[in-house]
Amino acid sequence: MKKTSTLILFALLLSFSVTYMHAQTPAWIKYEKRATMFPDNKYILGFSSEINYNNTDLNELVDRCKENAKNGLTESVKVSIKSITVSGINSVNTGIDQETYEYVKQSSVSFSNLDIAGLTTESWYDKRKKTAYAITYAKRIDVINFYKQKILSGIKKLDAKKLFAENMFKSDMQQKAIQSYFECLTIFRQVEEAQSILVALGKSDDISLKKDKTIQLKSAVDQGINKLNNSSKNSISDAAYFIANGLKMQFKKLEGKVKLSSFGYQDTKMGSPFSKRLNMALEQKLVSVTDLNIHNQDYATENKSQSSIDYIITGTYWDDNDYLKIIVVLRDFKTGKAVASIETKLAKLFCEKNKISFLPENFIVANTKRKNFTENEIIGGNLKLDIWTNKGTDNLLFTENDTLKLYLRVNKACYIRFIYYLADGAKVLLLDDYYIGTDKVNKVYQIPDEFVCAEPYGAEVLQVNAQTEKFEPVNTKMQYGYKFITDNIEDVIKKTRGFKKTTGEIMKAENRLVITTMSNFDTW
């Protein structure tokens, strides 16, 4: 009995020491040491720490800390990409030529989740402070070389699939030809992701991106598809059928539950009456053409790791002279990996004849506001803030009388500020200095108020900030039972974000959701 107990104790101690303990406290848990060990010009880095408030299992605590560190790193890369594409900056201040800027602007929204390769992760648990620490890092040059190679590998696959499709076409095997061409579209999405990451890391030259070669291949694939089945459609219904059938052709059997996200205009995440009608038509075609079941369950009840959803469909549409170019990606819901993609075009004349707007009512104003938010944006740090609605997070569309529910999750006790920017330019302070205590840390928390979609309609923004001290006050006046902010948008952002960087104990985080609202009339 004594021998068995000793063996069990030894195994537990060994497991604990391997996972959490070092001979001494690692230097990287301190900001100053971390900055010296991993300078920005040589490394990409994510860091997280978390106090064990609720006696959480140590494995679970450290795993969560590691995940937060990784998410912080990938979020900083995504923010860099967004900063380049949203700001519209060009060669004068970035070294990116205008052609490359336009290319990256479109390709950067083809993916939803980044999975940076070659990361090293370390963790440590301080028993005395009951705090877990995790760091994720990689040398910039190693990441750059990896994605350069990924682009070369993707181009090689594209060359092979294009050649196969051409040979099948010559052999009058059109079904196999178009299937191979469609499979190329998924590989293009993977290449575009690698190219966007390189641009975020400062590599925008064509030798690295192989942009010209990619465009050349894309043009050849588009021409091949048009020879077999003209991808330009004359109605929303035709476009929806082409999309559903194109996705199906890339699988032996396409089945399971799919979440259909709303389509966004270009890289703005804004929707429109056209988005709504396209989604409605695509939902019908997916049900009739494939074995997929549309999943409409409230996002609040869905934990990604345990979700019953198999796939998610995301899409954007782009202004392309006389057409709207529609890009659709089918992804594995849990991993975010693209498993199929399809593209088609719809003549703008159809929208004009049927009086269907493909822009939100307030597009120009909303797009200007989007650029204001991008300046000096808070990049992921040690405070993690997740915010979502009952319809998810991306390309959100709410129509008249729809109910909006808001949920959040933070990894540290903090104060929350919710600001809602309405389509007419008004700014409403929904919550201010709302304290999330230690009892709610790492738990899904629903904001007590629910909101009903009503006028004014258009693209709106929910800005949510979290920090470990109270916010600088904004000026408000009460109207219709709400606090309307009287400060201009620049002052609101300054008072909410404070200084761009801080090396002290004050931690900050920010998240924004773009929400497009419209009347029921726009969906007829």
Protein backbone atom coordinates (compact mmCIF):
# COMPACT_ATOMS: atom_id res chain seq x y z
CA MET A 1 0.00 0.00 0.00
CA LYS A 2 2.79 2.39 0.92
CA LYS A 3 4.66 1.62 -2.33
CA THR A 4 1.53 2.28 -4.45
CA SER A 5 0.89 5.60 -2.70
CA THR A 6 4.50 6.65 -3.24
CA LEU A 7 4.29 5.85 -6.97
CA ILE A 8 1.06 7.80 -7.37
CA LEU A 9 2.51 10.79 -5.51
CA PHE A 10 5.66 10.67 -7.66
CA ALA A 11 3.59 10.58 -10.87
CA LEU A 12 1.52 13.56 -9.76
CA LEU A 13 4.58 15.59 -8.81
CA LEU A 14 6.31 14.72 -12.08
CA SER A 15 3.25 15.78 -14.11
CA PHE A 16 2.96 19.02 -12.17
CA SER A 17 6.63 19.89 -12.46
CA VAL A 18 6.83 19.15 -16.18
CA THR A 19 3.78 21.23 -16.98
CA TYR A 20 4.11 24.21 -14.70
CA MET A 21 7.39 24.46 -12.82
CA HIS A 22 10.83 25.73 -13.67
CA ALA A 23 13.93 25.88 -11.50
CA GLN A 24 13.30 29.60 -11.20
CA THR A 25 10.78 32.18 -12.31
CA PRO A 26 11.18 32.81 -16.05
CA ALA A 27 12.30 36.33 -16.89
CA TRP A 28 9.64 36.78 -19.60
CA ILE A 29 6.79 37.19 -17.11
CA LYS A 30 8.02 40.78 -16.59
CA TYR A 31 7.20 43.28 -19.35
CA GLU A 32 10.64 44.91 -19.40
CA LYS A 33 12.48 41.60 -19.66
CA ARG A 34 10.03 40.31 -22.25
CA ALA A 35 10.55 43.37 -24.44
CA THR A 36 14.32 42.90 -24.28
CA MET A 37 14.24 39.15 -24.93
CA PHE A 38 11.76 39.38 -27.84
CA PRO A 39 12.20 42.72 -29.65
CA ASP A 40 9.41 43.62 -32.09
CA ASN A 41 11.73 43.82 -35.08
CA LYS A 42 12.79 40.18 -34.66
CA TYR A 43 9.83 38.40 -33.04
CA ILE A 44 6.07 38.19 -33.07
CA LEU A 45 4.76 37.64 -29.59
CA GLY A 46 1.68 36.88 -27.52
CA PHE A 47 1.50 36.91 -23.72
CA SER A 48 -1.16 36.09 -21.16
CA SER A 49 -1.47 35.78 -17.40
CA GLU A 50 -4.40 34.72 -15.29
CA ILE A 51 -5.09 34.58 -11.57
CA ASN A 52 -6.72 31.39 -10.36
CA TYR A 53 -9.69 33.09 -8.68
CA ASN A 54 -12.04 30.11 -8.71
CA ASN A 55 -9.69 27.21 -7.91
CA THR A 56 -9.79 26.11 -11.54
CA ASP A 57 -8.05 22.87 -12.49
CA LEU A 58 -4.42 23.83 -13.20
CA ASN A 59 -4.29 22.02 -16.54
CA GLU A 60 -7.41 23.86 -17.66
CA LEU A 61 -6.08 27.20 -16.37
CA VAL A 62 -2.71 26.91 -18.10
CA ASP A 63 -4.25 25.61 -21.35
CA ARG A 64 -6.57 28.62 -21.39
CA CYS A 65 -3.65 30.93 -20.71
CA LYS A 66 -1.73 29.40 -23.63
CA GLU A 67 -4.74 29.81 -25.90
CA ASN A 68 -5.13 33.46 -24.89
CA ALA A 69 -1.45 34.11 -25.61
CA LYS A 70 -1.79 32.56 -29.06
CA ASN A 71 -4.99 34.49 -29.76
CA GLY A 72 -3.27 37.72 -28.74
CA LEU A 73 -0.47 37.06 -31.23
CA THR A 74 -2.80 36.22 -34.13
CA GLU A 75 -5.05 39.16 -33.32
CA SER A 76 -2.08 41.54 -33.58
CA VAL A 77 -1.35 40.18 -37.08
CA LYS A 78 -5.01 40.58 -38.10
CA VAL A 79 -5.04 44.16 -36.77
CA SER A 80 -1.93 44.93 -38.83
CA ILE A 81 -3.63 43.59 -41.98
CA LYS A 82 -6.80 45.56 -41.23
CA SER A 83 -4.82 48.73 -40.56
CA ILE A 84 -3.25 48.49 -44.02
CA THR A 85 -6.44 47.68 -45.92
CA VAL A 86 -8.93 49.90 -44.09
CA SER A 87 -6.79 53.02 -43.89
CA GLY A 88 -6.21 53.00 -47.64
CA ILE A 89 -2.54 53.78 -47.10
CA ASN A 90 -0.21 53.45 -50.05
CA SER A 91 3.43 53.42 -51.03
CA VAL A 92 4.12 56.81 -49.45
CA ASN A 93 4.04 55.50 -45.90
CA THR A 94 4.10 51.70 -46.15
CA GLY A 95 6.22 50.72 -49.11
CA ILE A 96 3.18 48.93 -50.57
CA ASP A 97 2.34 49.84 -54.16
CA GLN A 98 -1.28 50.62 -55.02
CA GLU A 99 -1.78 47.43 -57.05
CA THR A 100 -0.59 45.26 -54.18
CA TYR A 101 -2.74 47.25 -51.74
CA GLU A 102 -5.87 46.61 -53.83
CA TYR A 103 -4.95 42.93 -54.16
CA VAL A 104 -4.41 42.44 -50.42
CA LYS A 105 -7.57 44.40 -49.63
CA GLN A 106 -9.64 41.74 -51.37
CA SER A 107 -7.63 38.67 -50.42
CA SER A 108 -7.33 39.55 -46.71
CA VAL A 109 -11.04 39.00 -46.03
CA SER A 110 -11.11 35.49 -47.51
CA PHE A 111 -10.15 33.97 -44.16
CA SER A 112 -11.66 34.23 -40.69
CA ASN A 113 -9.16 32.58 -38.38
CA LEU A 114 -5.39 32.79 -38.57
CA ASP A 115 -3.25 29.87 -37.50
CA ILE A 116 0.31 31.16 -37.47
CA ALA A 117 2.80 28.33 -37.99
CA GLY A 118 6.05 27.70 -36.14
CA LEU A 119 5.04 29.10 -32.76
CA THR A 120 6.84 28.20 -29.52
CA THR A 121 4.75 28.28 -26.35
CA GLU A 122 5.99 28.30 -22.76
CA SER A 123 3.99 28.40 -19.54
CA TRP A 124 4.62 28.75 -15.83
CA TYR A 125 2.49 28.65 -12.71
CA ASP A 126 3.29 30.69 -9.62
CA LYS A 127 1.87 28.77 -6.66
CA ARG A 128 2.36 31.64 -4.24
CA LYS A 129 0.50 34.17 -6.37
CA LYS A 130 -1.86 31.53 -7.78
CA THR A 131 -1.18 32.94 -11.25
CA ALA A 132 -0.59 31.18 -14.56
CA TYR A 133 1.61 32.74 -17.28
CA ALA A 134 2.01 31.82 -20.93
CA ILE A 135 4.04 33.20 -23.80
CA THR A 136 3.82 32.36 -27.51
CA TYR A 137 6.48 33.57 -29.92
CA ALA A 138 8.24 32.99 -33.19
CA LYS A 139 11.10 34.60 -35.08
CA ARG A 140 9.76 36.87 -37.79
CA ILE A 141 12.20 35.50 -40.36
CA ASP A 142 11.11 31.91 -39.67
CA VAL A 143 7.42 32.81 -40.08
CA ILE A 144 8.16 34.77 -43.25
CA ASN A 145 10.11 31.88 -44.77
CA PHE A 146 7.34 29.41 -43.87
CA TYR A 147 4.64 31.44 -45.62
CA LYS A 148 6.83 32.12 -48.62
CA GLN A 149 7.15 28.35 -48.99
CA LYS A 150 3.41 27.90 -48.46
CA ILE A 151 2.74 30.28 -51.34
CA LEU A 152 5.17 28.39 -53.60
CA SER A 153 3.54 25.09 -52.63
CA GLY A 154 0.07 26.50 -53.33
CA ILE A 155 1.12 27.80 -56.74
CA LYS A 156 2.56 24.38 -57.58
CA LYS A 157 -0.76 22.73 -56.69
CA LEU A 158 -2.66 25.33 -58.72
CA ASP A 159 -0.49 24.70 -61.78
CA ALA A 160 -1.14 20.96 -61.49
CA LYS A 161 -4.92 21.27 -60.99
CA LYS A 162 -5.23 23.80 -63.82
CA LEU A 163 -3.33 21.50 -66.17
CA PHE A 164 -5.51 18.54 -65.15
CA ALA A 165 -8.67 20.60 -65.77
CA GLU A 166 -7.42 21.67 -69.19
CA ASN A 167 -6.67 18.05 -70.14
CA MET A 168 -10.09 16.91 -68.95
CA PHE A 169 -11.70 19.67 -71.01
CA LYS A 170 -9.80 18.55 -74.12
CA SER A 171 -10.92 14.97 -73.44
CA ASP A 172 -14.54 16.15 -73.26
CA MET A 173 -14.75 15.22 -69.56
CA GLN A 174 -16.35 18.47 -68.52
CA GLN A 175 -17.56 17.39 -65.08
CA LYS A 176 -14.04 16.48 -63.95
CA ALA A 177 -12.65 19.65 -65.56
CA ILE A 178 -14.96 22.07 -63.74
CA GLN A 179 -14.55 20.18 -60.45
CA SER A 180 -10.77 20.63 -60.69
CA TYR A 181 -11.20 24.31 -61.50
CA PHE A 182 -13.48 24.74 -58.47
CA GLU A 183 -10.90 23.01 -56.25
CA CYS A 184 -8.39 25.63 -57.39
CA LEU A 185 -10.54 28.31 -55.73
CA THR A 186 -10.02 26.75 -52.29
CA ILE A 187 -6.25 26.71 -52.84
CA PHE A 188 -6.40 30.39 -53.85
CA ARG A 189 -7.96 31.15 -50.45
CA GLN A 190 -5.01 29.41 -48.71
CA VAL A 191 -2.47 31.30 -50.82
CA GLU A 192 -4.25 34.60 -50.11
CA GLU A 193 -4.06 33.97 -46.36
CA ALA A 194 -0.30 33.38 -46.59
CA GLN A 195 0.12 36.52 -48.71
CA SER A 196 -1.83 38.64 -46.22
CA ILE A 197 0.31 37.38 -43.32
CA LEU A 198 3.48 38.29 -45.22
CA VAL A 199 2.17 41.81 -45.85
CA ALA A 200 1.37 42.17 -42.15
CA LEU A 201 4.96 41.17 -41.38
CA GLY A 202 6.33 43.77 -43.77
CA LYS A 203 7.00 41.60 -46.85
CA SER A 204 5.02 43.13 -49.72
CA ASP A 205 7.45 42.59 -52.61
CA ASP A 206 6.30 40.44 -55.49
CA ILE A 207 9.22 38.03 -55.07
CA SER A 208 7.77 37.11 -51.66
CA LEU A 209 4.06 37.28 -52.52
CA LYS A 210 4.18 35.87 -56.06
CA LYS A 211 1.25 38.20 -56.66
CA ASP A 212 1.66 38.43 -60.43
CA LYS A 213 1.87 34.66 -60.80
CA THR A 214 -1.19 34.21 -58.58
CA ILE A 215 -3.18 36.73 -60.62
CA GLN A 216 -2.11 34.99 -63.82
CA LEU A 217 -3.29 31.61 -62.53
CA LYS A 218 -6.52 33.09 -61.19
CA SER A 219 -7.29 34.61 -64.59
CA ALA A 220 -6.70 31.24 -66.31
CA VAL A 221 -8.95 29.42 -63.81
CA ASP A 222 -11.72 32.02 -64.21
CA GLN A 223 -11.56 31.66 -67.98
CA GLY A 224 -11.70 27.87 -67.66
CA ILE A 225 -14.79 28.02 -65.45
CA ASN A 226 -16.51 30.43 -67.84
CA LYS A 227 -15.86 28.11 -70.79
CA LEU A 228 -17.61 25.28 -68.97
CA ASN A 229 -20.28 27.18 -67.11
CA ASN A 230 -20.52 30.95 -67.41
CA SER A 231 -20.13 32.16 -63.84
CA SER A 232 -21.88 35.49 -64.55
CA LYS A 233 -25.51 35.15 -63.46
CA ASN A 234 -28.58 37.22 -64.24
CA SER A 235 -30.50 36.90 -60.98
CA ILE A 236 -29.89 36.34 -57.27
CA SER A 237 -31.59 32.95 -57.55
CA ASP A 238 -29.24 31.89 -60.36
CA ALA A 239 -26.20 33.05 -58.38
CA ALA A 240 -27.38 31.18 -55.28
CA TYR A 241 -27.86 27.95 -57.27
CA PHE A 242 -24.39 28.26 -58.83
CA ILE A 243 -22.86 28.76 -55.36
CA ALA A 244 -24.68 25.80 -53.76
CA ASN A 245 -23.95 23.48 -56.67
CA GLY A 246 -20.31 24.62 -56.88
CA LEU A 247 -19.74 23.82 -53.21
CA LYS A 248 -21.43 20.43 -53.60
CA MET A 249 -19.22 19.49 -56.55
CA GLN A 250 -16.11 19.69 -54.36
CA PHE A 251 -17.40 16.89 -52.09
CA LYS A 252 -18.42 13.29 -52.64
CA LYS A 253 -21.22 14.01 -50.20
CA LEU A 254 -21.77 17.41 -48.60
CA GLU A 255 -23.80 16.87 -45.43
CA GLY A 256 -24.06 18.09 -41.86
CA LYS A 257 -25.14 21.28 -40.13
CA VAL A 258 -24.01 24.59 -41.60
CA LYS A 259 -24.15 28.12 -40.22
CA LEU A 260 -24.78 30.60 -43.02
CA SER A 261 -23.26 33.99 -42.22
CA SER A 262 -24.49 37.16 -43.88
CA PHE A 263 -22.53 38.43 -46.86
CA GLY A 264 -20.49 41.61 -46.37
CA TYR A 265 -19.69 44.36 -48.85
CA GLN A 266 -15.99 44.17 -49.79
CA ASP A 267 -13.84 44.34 -46.62
CA THR A 268 -16.23 46.51 -44.60
CA LYS A 269 -18.30 43.82 -42.80
CA MET A 270 -21.32 45.96 -43.75
CA GLY A 271 -24.40 44.36 -45.19
CA SER A 272 -27.26 45.61 -47.37
CA PRO A 273 -30.68 44.62 -48.76
CA PHE A 274 -28.74 42.69 -51.42
CA SER A 275 -26.93 40.72 -48.67
CA LYS A 276 -30.22 39.77 -47.07
CA ARG A 277 -31.80 38.58 -50.33
CA LEU A 278 -28.71 36.63 -51.34
CA ASN A 279 -28.64 34.86 -47.97
CA MET A 280 -32.32 33.98 -48.19
CA ALA A 281 -31.89 32.58 -51.72
CA LEU A 282 -28.71 30.67 -50.83
CA GLU A 283 -30.36 29.09 -47.79
CA GLN A 284 -33.13 27.71 -50.02
CA LYS A 285 -30.67 26.40 -52.65
CA LEU A 286 -28.40 24.75 -50.06
CA VAL A 287 -31.38 22.82 -48.69
CA SER A 288 -32.54 21.70 -52.16
CA VAL A 289 -29.13 21.02 -53.78
CA THR A 290 -27.01 19.64 -50.92
CA ASP A 291 -27.54 17.47 -47.84
CA LEU A 292 -26.68 20.36 -45.52
CA ASN A 293 -29.05 21.45 -42.76
CA ILE A 294 -29.15 25.17 -41.98
CA HIS A 295 -28.32 25.81 -38.33
CA ASN A 296 -30.12 28.83 -36.85
CA GLN A 297 -29.48 28.26 -33.15
CA ASP A 298 -28.59 31.21 -30.95
CA TYR A 299 -24.80 31.67 -30.89
CA ALA A 300 -24.88 32.19 -27.15
CA THR A 301 -25.52 28.51 -26.57
CA GLU A 302 -22.74 27.35 -28.88
CA ASN A 303 -19.33 26.50 -27.45
CA LYS A 304 -17.04 26.11 -30.47
CA SER A 305 -15.20 23.04 -29.16
CA GLN A 306 -18.49 21.26 -28.40
CA SER A 307 -20.65 22.74 -31.14
CA SER A 308 -23.00 20.64 -33.23
CA ILE A 309 -22.23 22.88 -36.23
CA ASP A 310 -20.06 21.18 -38.87
CA TYR A 311 -19.48 24.03 -41.32
CA ILE A 312 -19.80 27.76 -41.64
CA ILE A 313 -20.30 29.64 -44.90
CA THR A 314 -18.87 33.13 -45.14
CA GLY A 315 -18.99 35.46 -48.11
CA THR A 316 -18.20 38.89 -49.48
CA TYR A 317 -19.24 40.72 -52.61
CA TRP A 318 -17.16 43.27 -54.50
CA ASP A 319 -17.85 46.11 -56.89
CA ASP A 320 -16.44 44.89 -60.22
CA ASN A 321 -17.37 47.42 -62.93
CA ASP A 322 -20.77 46.26 -64.27
CA TYR A 323 -20.94 43.30 -61.89
CA LEU A 324 -20.96 42.34 -58.25
CA LYS A 325 -18.29 39.68 -57.72
CA ILE A 326 -19.36 37.21 -55.02
CA ILE A 327 -16.72 35.17 -53.15
CA VAL A 328 -17.91 32.31 -50.93
CA VAL A 329 -15.90 30.09 -48.57
CA LEU A 330 -17.07 26.93 -46.80
CA ARG A 331 -15.06 26.26 -43.65
CA ASP A 332 -14.78 23.60 -41.02
CA PHE A 333 -16.54 25.30 -38.10
CA LYS A 334 -14.18 24.12 -35.38
CA THR A 335 -10.84 24.67 -37.12
CA GLY A 336 -11.72 27.55 -39.46
CA LYS A 337 -9.94 25.76 -42.33
CA ALA A 338 -11.30 26.46 -45.83
CA VAL A 339 -12.59 23.20 -47.33
CA ALA A 340 -14.34 24.63 -50.40
CA SER A 341 -14.74 27.93 -52.20
CA ILE A 342 -16.76 29.26 -55.12
CA GLU A 343 -17.03 32.57 -56.98
CA THR A 344 -19.66 34.06 -59.25
CA LYS A 345 -20.77 37.40 -60.66
CA LEU A 346 -24.14 39.10 -60.78
CA ALA A 347 -24.95 41.92 -63.19
CA LYS A 348 -25.57 45.20 -61.35
CA LEU A 349 -28.35 45.82 -63.84
CA PHE A 350 -30.42 43.17 -62.03
CA CYS A 351 -30.12 45.15 -58.77
CA GLU A 352 -30.96 48.41 -60.53
CA LYS A 353 -34.04 47.01 -62.27
CA ASN A 354 -35.30 45.46 -59.02
CA LYS A 355 -34.32 48.46 -56.87
CA ILE A 356 -32.10 46.38 -54.61
CA SER A 357 -29.35 48.39 -52.96
CA PHE A 358 -26.00 46.64 -52.44
CA LEU A 359 -24.77 49.38 -50.06
CA PRO A 360 -26.08 50.29 -46.61
CA GLU A 361 -27.98 53.59 -46.53
CA ASN A 362 -25.18 55.48 -44.79
CA PHE A 363 -22.20 53.83 -46.47
CA ILE A 364 -20.00 56.92 -47.04
CA VAL A 365 -20.34 58.16 -43.45
CA ALA A 366 -19.95 54.65 -42.01
CA ASN A 367 -16.83 53.97 -44.06
CA THR A 368 -15.21 57.21 -42.88
CA LYS A 369 -16.01 56.25 -39.29
CA ARG A 370 -14.40 52.83 -39.89
CA LYS A 371 -11.11 54.54 -40.72
CA ASN A 372 -11.31 56.62 -37.52
CA PHE A 373 -11.53 53.43 -35.46
CA THR A 374 -8.47 51.92 -37.15
CA GLU A 375 -6.08 54.69 -36.09
CA ASN A 376 -4.13 53.82 -32.95
CA GLU A 377 -6.21 50.69 -32.45
CA ILE A 378 -5.55 48.73 -29.28
CA ILE A 379 -3.63 45.58 -30.21
CA GLY A 380 -4.20 42.44 -28.17
CA GLY A 381 -2.59 42.38 -24.76
CA ASN A 382 -2.93 40.59 -21.47
CA LEU A 383 -6.60 41.52 -21.06
CA LYS A 384 -8.79 39.44 -23.39
CA LEU A 385 -12.27 40.60 -24.35
CA ASP A 386 -14.73 38.54 -26.40
CA ILE A 387 -18.01 40.08 -27.53
CA TRP A 388 -20.73 38.56 -29.72
CA THR A 389 -24.43 38.74 -30.48
CA ASN A 390 -27.18 36.16 -30.78
CA LYS A 391 -26.31 36.12 -34.51
CA GLY A 392 -22.56 35.75 -34.03
CA THR A 393 -19.86 38.31 -34.80
CA ASP A 394 -19.31 38.70 -38.55
CA ASN A 395 -21.33 40.56 -41.18
CA LEU A 396 -24.26 41.04 -38.82
CA LEU A 397 -27.67 41.82 -40.33
CA PHE A 398 -30.67 42.77 -38.21
CA THR A 399 -34.03 43.67 -39.72
CA GLU A 400 -36.90 45.66 -38.28
CA ASN A 401 -38.16 44.25 -34.94
CA ASP A 402 -35.30 41.71 -34.66
CA THR A 403 -33.96 41.37 -31.11
CA LEU A 404 -30.28 42.02 -30.47
CA LYS A 405 -28.72 40.22 -27.50
CA LEU A 406 -25.14 40.90 -26.42
CA TYR A 407 -22.71 38.57 -24.69
CA LEU A 408 -19.18 39.06 -23.43
CA ARG A 409 -16.38 37.18 -21.75
CA VAL A 410 -13.19 38.54 -20.15
CA ASN A 411 -10.22 36.81 -18.58
CA LYS A 412 -9.65 39.36 -15.80
CA ALA A 413 -11.72 41.52 -13.51
CA CYS A 414 -12.22 44.84 -15.35
CA TYR A 415 -14.46 47.75 -16.22
CA ILE A 416 -16.52 47.73 -19.42
CA ARG A 417 -17.67 50.59 -21.64
CA PHE A 418 -20.27 49.95 -24.38
CA ILE A 419 -20.80 52.65 -27.01
CA TYR A 420 -23.28 52.23 -29.86
CA TYR A 421 -22.78 54.39 -32.96
CA LEU A 422 -26.14 54.73 -34.71
CA ALA A 423 -26.62 55.05 -38.47
CA ASP A 424 -27.62 58.73 -38.13
CA GLY A 425 -24.33 59.61 -36.41
CA ALA A 426 -25.64 59.63 -32.84
CA LYS A 427 -23.52 57.94 -30.14
CA VAL A 428 -25.23 56.16 -27.26
CA LEU A 429 -23.45 55.17 -24.05
CA LEU A 430 -25.09 51.85 -23.24
CA LEU A 431 -22.85 50.89 -20.31
CA ASP A 432 -20.05 52.76 -18.58
CA ASP A 433 -17.60 51.60 -15.92
CA TYR A 434 -19.65 48.42 -15.68
CA TYR A 435 -17.63 46.18 -13.40
CA ILE A 436 -17.04 42.53 -14.24
CA GLY A 437 -15.92 40.97 -10.97
CA THR A 438 -13.77 37.92 -10.35
CA ASP A 439 -16.90 35.77 -10.01
CA LYS A 440 -17.71 36.42 -13.70
CA VAL A 441 -14.18 36.01 -15.12
CA ASN A 442 -13.97 33.47 -18.00
CA LYS A 443 -17.71 33.01 -17.95
CA VAL A 444 -20.21 33.95 -20.65
CA TYR A 445 -22.07 37.00 -19.41
CA GLN A 446 -25.20 38.31 -21.10
CA ILE A 447 -25.70 42.07 -20.99
CA PRO A 448 -28.96 42.58 -19.09
CA ASP A 449 -30.59 44.82 -21.72
CA GLU A 450 -31.93 43.54 -25.03
CA PHE A 451 -32.45 45.81 -28.01
CA VAL A 452 -35.06 45.83 -30.78
CA CYS A 453 -34.03 46.84 -34.31
CA ALA A 454 -35.67 50.14 -35.30
CA GLU A 455 -34.93 53.31 -37.27
CA PRO A 456 -32.53 54.84 -38.22
CA TYR A 457 -31.30 52.05 -40.51
CA GLY A 458 -27.85 51.51 -41.98
CA ALA A 459 -24.37 50.41 -40.89
CA GLU A 460 -23.85 50.82 -37.15
CA VAL A 461 -20.97 50.03 -34.82
CA LEU A 462 -20.84 48.61 -31.32
CA GLN A 463 -17.56 49.56 -29.65
CA VAL A 464 -16.72 47.66 -26.47
CA ASN A 465 -13.70 48.55 -24.35
CA ALA A 466 -12.38 46.90 -21.23
CA GLN A 467 -9.68 48.11 -18.85
CA THR A 468 -8.53 47.44 -15.32
CA GLU A 469 -9.32 50.96 -14.11
CA LYS A 470 -12.29 53.27 -14.65
CA PHE A 471 -12.61 55.19 -17.92
CA GLU A 472 -12.17 58.89 -18.49
CA PRO A 473 -15.71 60.36 -18.46
CA VAL A 474 -17.40 61.39 -21.71
CA ASN A 475 -19.96 64.19 -21.95
CA THR A 476 -23.56 63.00 -22.25
CA LYS A 477 -27.16 64.16 -22.23
CA MET A 478 -30.25 62.10 -21.45
CA GLN A 479 -32.73 61.63 -24.28
CA TYR A 480 -35.44 58.97 -24.83
CA GLY A 481 -34.15 57.17 -21.73
CA TYR A 482 -30.58 56.79 -23.10
CA LYS A 483 -27.31 58.64 -22.53
CA PHE A 484 -26.33 60.28 -25.83
CA ILE A 485 -22.67 61.28 -26.06
CA THR A 486 -22.11 64.91 -27.10
CA ASP A 487 -18.33 64.60 -27.70
CA ASN A 488 -17.15 64.13 -31.29
CA ILE A 489 -15.93 60.69 -32.37
CA GLU A 490 -12.23 61.59 -32.13
CA ASP A 491 -12.64 62.72 -28.50
CA VAL A 492 -14.74 59.67 -27.63
CA ILE A 493 -12.07 57.31 -28.97
CA LYS A 494 -9.31 59.24 -27.17
CA LYS A 495 -11.16 59.21 -23.84
CA THR A 496 -12.00 55.52 -24.22
CA ARG A 497 -8.64 54.20 -25.39
CA GLY A 498 -6.36 56.57 -23.53
CA PHE A 499 -2.73 56.20 -24.52
CA LYS A 500 -1.97 53.76 -27.32
CA LYS A 501 0.58 51.82 -25.30
CA THR A 502 1.09 51.36 -21.60
CA THR A 503 3.81 49.49 -19.76
CA GLY A 504 2.22 49.79 -16.34
CA GLU A 505 -0.40 47.73 -14.57
CA ILE A 506 -3.33 49.20 -16.54
CA MET A 507 -4.53 46.64 -19.06
CA LYS A 508 -6.79 47.47 -21.98
CA ALA A 509 -8.74 45.62 -24.64
CA GLU A 510 -11.12 46.61 -27.40
CA ASN A 511 -13.57 44.84 -29.66
CA ARG A 512 -15.99 46.16 -32.26
CA LEU A 513 -18.95 44.72 -34.10
CA VAL A 514 -20.34 46.16 -37.32
CA ILE A 515 -24.13 45.74 -37.38
CA THR A 516 -26.23 46.54 -40.45
CA THR A 517 -29.88 47.32 -39.75
CA MET A 518 -32.68 47.62 -42.32
CA SER A 519 -36.45 47.79 -42.60
CA ASN A 520 -38.56 44.78 -43.50
CA PHE A 521 -39.43 46.57 -46.73
CA ASP A 522 -35.80 46.16 -47.91
CA THR A 523 -36.09 42.37 -47.75
CA TRP A 524 -39.23 41.98 -49.86
